[in-house]
């Protein structure tokens, strides 16, 4: 059913919790796990000049240790989790606007399922979903499993026990 599962990650707790779900599904189906980190060149999280943004867009991260370290840590977490289960894993780092880059990656790589956290690293969130997650969910034509990191910490409903 699933041969290629994509886990977009920004290194946040929500993204890491989604990894658990993706690895579990990949184990059941023998799927390859794809870890995708999008370097958001429009984000203010990095103090980048025009020349640095152009280098990122061309795929040159080696001389930008802060960006490379964040990307390596985020995709490395996915790779380590998948490797623990003997799964094939591929790490990808691309520049762009996150939701658009995720959708393009899905289209270009025969992805069968996207597993992502409900909210990412940014403090901006919608009532239910983070803005990137919402845009991917609305504009992607394949299954998207949205994992809520808060669900992991939620206490059982007292009424459900009655």
C-alpha atoms as a PDB file:
ATOM      1  CA  UNK A   1       0.000   0.000   0.000  1.00  0.00           C
ATOM      2  CA  UNK A   2       2.744   2.454   0.961  1.00  0.00           C
ATOM      3  CA  UNK A   3       6.171   2.277  -0.661  1.00  0.00           C
ATOM      4  CA  UNK A   4       7.438   5.817  -0.021  1.00  0.00           C
ATOM      5  CA  UNK A   5       6.518   7.749   3.119  1.00  0.00           C
ATOM      6  CA  UNK A   6       7.511  11.395   3.443  1.00  0.00           C
ATOM      7  CA  UNK A   7       8.233  12.991   6.805  1.00  0.00           C
ATOM      8  CA  UNK A   8       8.686  16.749   6.449  1.00  0.00           C
ATOM      9  CA  UNK A   9      10.656  17.885   9.489  1.00  0.00           C
ATOM     10  CA  UNK A  10      11.803  21.119  11.032  1.00  0.00           C
ATOM     11  CA  UNK A  11      13.256  19.472  14.107  1.00  0.00           C
ATOM     12  CA  UNK A  12      10.326  20.465  16.340  1.00  0.00           C
ATOM     13  CA  UNK A  13       8.729  18.185  18.934  1.00  0.00           C
ATOM     14  CA  UNK A  14       5.661  17.802  16.717  1.00  0.00           C
ATOM     15  CA  UNK A  15       7.802  16.730  13.769  1.00  0.00           C
ATOM     16  CA  UNK A  16       9.713  14.263  15.931  1.00  0.00           C
ATOM     17  CA  UNK A  17       6.495  12.728  17.226  1.00  0.00           C
ATOM     18  CA  UNK A  18       5.312  12.336  13.630  1.00  0.00           C
ATOM     19  CA  UNK A  19       8.503  10.363  12.964  1.00  0.00           C
ATOM     20  CA  UNK A  20       7.352   7.675  15.388  1.00  0.00           C
ATOM     21  CA  UNK A  21       4.122   7.257  13.445  1.00  0.00           C
ATOM     22  CA  UNK A  22       5.867   7.263  10.074  1.00  0.00           C
ATOM     23  CA  UNK A  23       8.433   4.681  11.163  1.00  0.00           C
ATOM     24  CA  UNK A  24       5.693   2.450  12.552  1.00  0.00           C
ATOM     25  CA  UNK A  25       3.789   2.576   9.254  1.00  0.00           C
ATOM     26  CA  UNK A  26       6.942   2.110   7.192  1.00  0.00           C
ATOM     27  CA  UNK A  27       7.811  -0.961   9.279  1.00  0.00           C
ATOM     28  CA  UNK A  28       4.410  -2.490   8.593  1.00  0.00           C
ATOM     29  CA  UNK A  29       4.593  -1.882   4.838  1.00  0.00           C
ATOM     30  CA  UNK A  30       8.341  -2.172   4.232  1.00  0.00           C
ATOM     31  CA  UNK A  31       8.316   1.384   2.915  1.00  0.00           C
ATOM     32  CA  UNK A  32      11.213   3.751   2.335  1.00  0.00           C
ATOM     33  CA  UNK A  33      11.150   6.762   4.657  1.00  0.00           C
ATOM     34  CA  UNK A  34      12.026  10.133   3.140  1.00  0.00           C
ATOM     35  CA  UNK A  35      13.095  12.856   5.592  1.00  0.00           C
ATOM     36  CA  UNK A  36      12.622  16.321   4.118  1.00  0.00           C
ATOM     37  CA  UNK A  37      13.948  19.538   5.614  1.00  0.00           C
ATOM     38  CA  UNK A  38      12.942  22.730   3.850  1.00  0.00           C
ATOM     39  CA  UNK A  39      15.231  25.709   4.293  1.00  0.00           C
ATOM     40  CA  UNK A  40      12.703  28.517   4.363  1.00  0.00           C
ATOM     41  CA  UNK A  41      14.649  31.278   2.667  1.00  0.00           C
ATOM     42  CA  UNK A  42      11.905  33.769   3.508  1.00  0.00           C
ATOM     43  CA  UNK A  43      11.902  32.977   7.229  1.00  0.00           C
ATOM     44  CA  UNK A  44      13.463  35.351   9.685  1.00  0.00           C
ATOM     45  CA  UNK A  45      14.928  32.521  11.770  1.00  0.00           C
ATOM     46  CA  UNK A  46      18.245  32.967   9.964  1.00  0.00           C
ATOM     47  CA  UNK A  47      19.977  36.273   9.380  1.00  0.00           C
ATOM     48  CA  UNK A  48      20.741  35.748   5.732  1.00  0.00           C
ATOM     49  CA  UNK A  49      21.869  38.164   3.102  1.00  0.00           C
ATOM     50  CA  UNK A  50      20.915  37.987  -0.559  1.00  0.00           C
ATOM     51  CA  UNK A  51      24.109  36.146  -1.483  1.00  0.00           C
ATOM     52  CA  UNK A  52      23.491  33.484   1.182  1.00  0.00           C
ATOM     53  CA  UNK A  53      19.877  33.008   0.084  1.00  0.00           C
ATOM     54  CA  UNK A  54      21.075  32.523  -3.509  1.00  0.00           C
ATOM     55  CA  UNK A  55      23.626  29.926  -2.331  1.00  0.00           C
ATOM     56  CA  UNK A  56      20.901  28.040  -0.424  1.00  0.00           C
ATOM     57  CA  UNK A  57      18.665  28.070  -3.484  1.00  0.00           C
ATOM     58  CA  UNK A  58      21.564  26.508  -5.413  1.00  0.00           C
ATOM     59  CA  UNK A  59      21.958  23.818  -2.747  1.00  0.00           C
ATOM     60  CA  UNK A  60      25.202  25.086  -1.179  1.00  0.00           C
ATOM     61  CA  UNK A  61      24.863  24.665   2.590  1.00  0.00           C
ATOM     62  CA  UNK A  62      28.405  23.647   3.490  1.00  0.00           C
ATOM     63  CA  UNK A  63      29.579  27.179   4.194  1.00  0.00           C
ATOM     64  CA  UNK A  64      26.481  28.013   6.265  1.00  0.00           C
ATOM     65  CA  UNK A  65      27.013  25.979   9.428  1.00  0.00           C
ATOM     66  CA  UNK A  66      23.897  27.207  11.269  1.00  0.00           C
ATOM     67  CA  UNK A  67      21.573  26.203   8.431  1.00  0.00           C
ATOM     68  CA  UNK A  68      23.409  22.948   7.680  1.00  0.00           C
ATOM     69  CA  UNK A  69      23.446  21.952  11.352  1.00  0.00           C
ATOM     70  CA  UNK A  70      19.683  22.487  11.703  1.00  0.00           C
ATOM     71  CA  UNK A  71      18.977  20.516   8.516  1.00  0.00           C
ATOM     72  CA  UNK A  72      21.325  17.664   9.459  1.00  0.00           C
ATOM     73  CA  UNK A  73      19.886  17.400  12.974  1.00  0.00           C
ATOM     74  CA  UNK A  74      16.290  17.320  11.751  1.00  0.00           C
ATOM     75  CA  UNK A  75      16.772  14.774   8.961  1.00  0.00           C
ATOM     76  CA  UNK A  76      19.274  12.817  11.042  1.00  0.00           C
ATOM     77  CA  UNK A  77      16.653  12.255  13.731  1.00  0.00           C
ATOM     78  CA  UNK A  78      14.374  10.672  11.123  1.00  0.00           C
ATOM     79  CA  UNK A  79      17.216   8.626   9.652  1.00  0.00           C
ATOM     80  CA  UNK A  80      18.255   7.300  13.063  1.00  0.00           C
ATOM     81  CA  UNK A  81      14.689   6.311  13.968  1.00  0.00           C
ATOM     82  CA  UNK A  82      14.197   4.527  10.629  1.00  0.00           C
ATOM     83  CA  UNK A  83      17.589   2.798  10.839  1.00  0.00           C
ATOM     84  CA  UNK A  84      16.719   1.408  14.277  1.00  0.00           C
ATOM     85  CA  UNK A  85      13.929  -0.514  12.541  1.00  0.00           C
ATOM     86  CA  UNK A  86      16.058  -1.595   9.592  1.00  0.00           C
ATOM     87  CA  UNK A  87      14.206   0.684   7.188  1.00  0.00           C
ATOM     88  CA  UNK A  88      15.560   2.329   4.078  1.00  0.00           C
ATOM     89  CA  UNK A  89      15.756   6.073   4.575  1.00  0.00           C
ATOM     90  CA  UNK A  90      16.699   8.998   2.384  1.00  0.00           C
ATOM     91  CA  UNK A  91      17.502  12.467   3.674  1.00  0.00           C
ATOM     92  CA  UNK A  92      16.639  15.504   1.571  1.00  0.00           C
ATOM     93  CA  UNK A  93      17.244  19.221   2.084  1.00  0.00           C
ATOM     94  CA  UNK A  94      15.614  21.699  -0.273  1.00  0.00           C
ATOM     95  CA  UNK A  95      15.182  25.473  -0.289  1.00  0.00           C
ATOM     96  CA  UNK A  96      11.846  27.201  -0.627  1.00  0.00           C
ATOM     97  CA  UNK A  97       8.582  28.040   1.021  1.00  0.00           C
ATOM     98  CA  UNK A  98       7.826  24.948   3.164  1.00  0.00           C
ATOM     99  CA  UNK A  99       4.298  24.007   2.035  1.00  0.00           C
ATOM    100  CA  UNK A 100       5.102  24.551  -1.633  1.00  0.00           C
ATOM    101  CA  UNK A 101       8.414  22.663  -1.368  1.00  0.00           C
ATOM    102  CA  UNK A 102       6.699  19.718   0.341  1.00  0.00           C
ATOM    103  CA  UNK A 103       4.013  19.542  -2.359  1.00  0.00           C
ATOM    104  CA  UNK A 104       6.651  19.700  -5.108  1.00  0.00           C
ATOM    105  CA  UNK A 105       8.669  16.959  -3.439  1.00  0.00           C
ATOM    106  CA  UNK A 106       5.550  14.770  -3.263  1.00  0.00           C
ATOM    107  CA  UNK A 107       4.865  15.288  -6.976  1.00  0.00           C
ATOM    108  CA  UNK A 108       8.470  14.644  -8.036  1.00  0.00           C
ATOM    109  CA  UNK A 109       9.180  11.556  -5.913  1.00  0.00           C
ATOM    110  CA  UNK A 110       6.248   9.118  -6.078  1.00  0.00           C
ATOM    111  CA  UNK A 111       5.359   9.635  -2.420  1.00  0.00           C
ATOM    112  CA  UNK A 112       2.397   7.547  -1.228  1.00  0.00           C
ATOM    113  CA  UNK A 113       1.830   9.091   2.211  1.00  0.00           C
ATOM    114  CA  UNK A 114       2.885  12.243   4.053  1.00  0.00           C
ATOM    115  CA  UNK A 115       3.209  12.065   7.839  1.00  0.00           C
ATOM    116  CA  UNK A 116       3.682  15.404   9.541  1.00  0.00           C
ATOM    117  CA  UNK A 117       3.192  17.168  12.836  1.00  0.00           C
ATOM    118  CA  UNK A 118       0.174  19.337  13.462  1.00  0.00           C
ATOM    119  CA  UNK A 119       2.343  22.316  14.343  1.00  0.00           C
ATOM    120  CA  UNK A 120       5.940  23.068  13.589  1.00  0.00           C
ATOM    121  CA  UNK A 121       8.602  25.257  15.026  1.00  0.00           C
ATOM    122  CA  UNK A 122       7.003  28.601  14.206  1.00  0.00           C
ATOM    123  CA  UNK A 123       4.904  30.267  16.864  1.00  0.00           C
ATOM    124  CA  UNK A 124       2.203  30.993  14.327  1.00  0.00           C
ATOM    125  CA  UNK A 125      -0.608  28.496  14.542  1.00  0.00           C
ATOM    126  CA  UNK A 126      -4.166  28.244  13.401  1.00  0.00           C
ATOM    127  CA  UNK A 127      -6.996  27.090  15.635  1.00  0.00           C
ATOM    128  CA  UNK A 128      -6.419  23.430  14.762  1.00  0.00           C
ATOM    129  CA  UNK A 129      -3.378  23.125  12.503  1.00  0.00           C
ATOM    130  CA  UNK A 130      -0.142  24.922  11.824  1.00  0.00           C
ATOM    131  CA  UNK A 131      -0.167  26.962   8.640  1.00  0.00           C
ATOM    132  CA  UNK A 132       2.280  24.721   6.729  1.00  0.00           C
ATOM    133  CA  UNK A 133       0.403  21.565   7.706  1.00  0.00           C
ATOM    134  CA  UNK A 134      -2.905  23.100   6.725  1.00  0.00           C
ATOM    135  CA  UNK A 135      -1.646  24.174   3.280  1.00  0.00           C
ATOM    136  CA  UNK A 136      -0.125  20.744   2.586  1.00  0.00           C
ATOM    137  CA  UNK A 137      -3.307  19.011   3.715  1.00  0.00           C
ATOM    138  CA  UNK A 138      -5.561  21.197   1.565  1.00  0.00           C
ATOM    139  CA  UNK A 139      -3.440  21.140  -1.590  1.00  0.00           C
ATOM    140  CA  UNK A 140      -2.036  17.618  -1.682  1.00  0.00           C
ATOM    141  CA  UNK A 141      -3.943  14.873  -3.448  1.00  0.00           C
ATOM    142  CA  UNK A 142      -2.667  11.935  -1.467  1.00  0.00           C
ATOM    143  CA  UNK A 143      -3.112  10.789   2.127  1.00  0.00           C
ATOM    144  CA  UNK A 144      -1.656  13.088   4.767  1.00  0.00           C
ATOM    145  CA  UNK A 145      -1.468  11.797   8.324  1.00  0.00           C
ATOM    146  CA  UNK A 146      -1.419  14.740  10.712  1.00  0.00           C
ATOM    147  CA  UNK A 147       0.039  13.823  14.089  1.00  0.00           C
ATOM    148  CA  UNK A 148      -0.841  16.011  17.054  1.00  0.00           C
ATOM    149  CA  UNK A 149       2.074  16.203  19.480  1.00  0.00           C
ATOM    150  CA  UNK A 150      -0.344  17.223  22.231  1.00  0.00           C
ATOM    151  CA  UNK A 151      -2.185  13.920  21.796  1.00  0.00           C
ATOM    152  CA  UNK A 152       0.882  12.128  23.177  1.00  0.00           C
ATOM    153  CA  UNK A 153       0.658  14.121  26.416  1.00  0.00           C
ATOM    154  CA  UNK A 154      -3.140  14.172  26.680  1.00  0.00           C
ATOM    155  CA  UNK A 155      -4.723  12.448  29.622  1.00  0.00           C
ATOM    156  CA  UNK A 156      -7.520   9.960  28.959  1.00  0.00           C
ATOM    157  CA  UNK A 157     -10.962  11.488  28.925  1.00  0.00           C
ATOM    158  CA  UNK A 158     -12.583  10.931  32.313  1.00  0.00           C
ATOM    159  CA  UNK A 159     -15.980  10.472  30.667  1.00  0.00           C
ATOM    160  CA  UNK A 160     -14.611   7.707  28.440  1.00  0.00           C
ATOM    161  CA  UNK A 161     -13.707   5.730  31.571  1.00  0.00           C
ATOM    162  CA  UNK A 162     -17.225   5.997  33.003  1.00  0.00           C
END
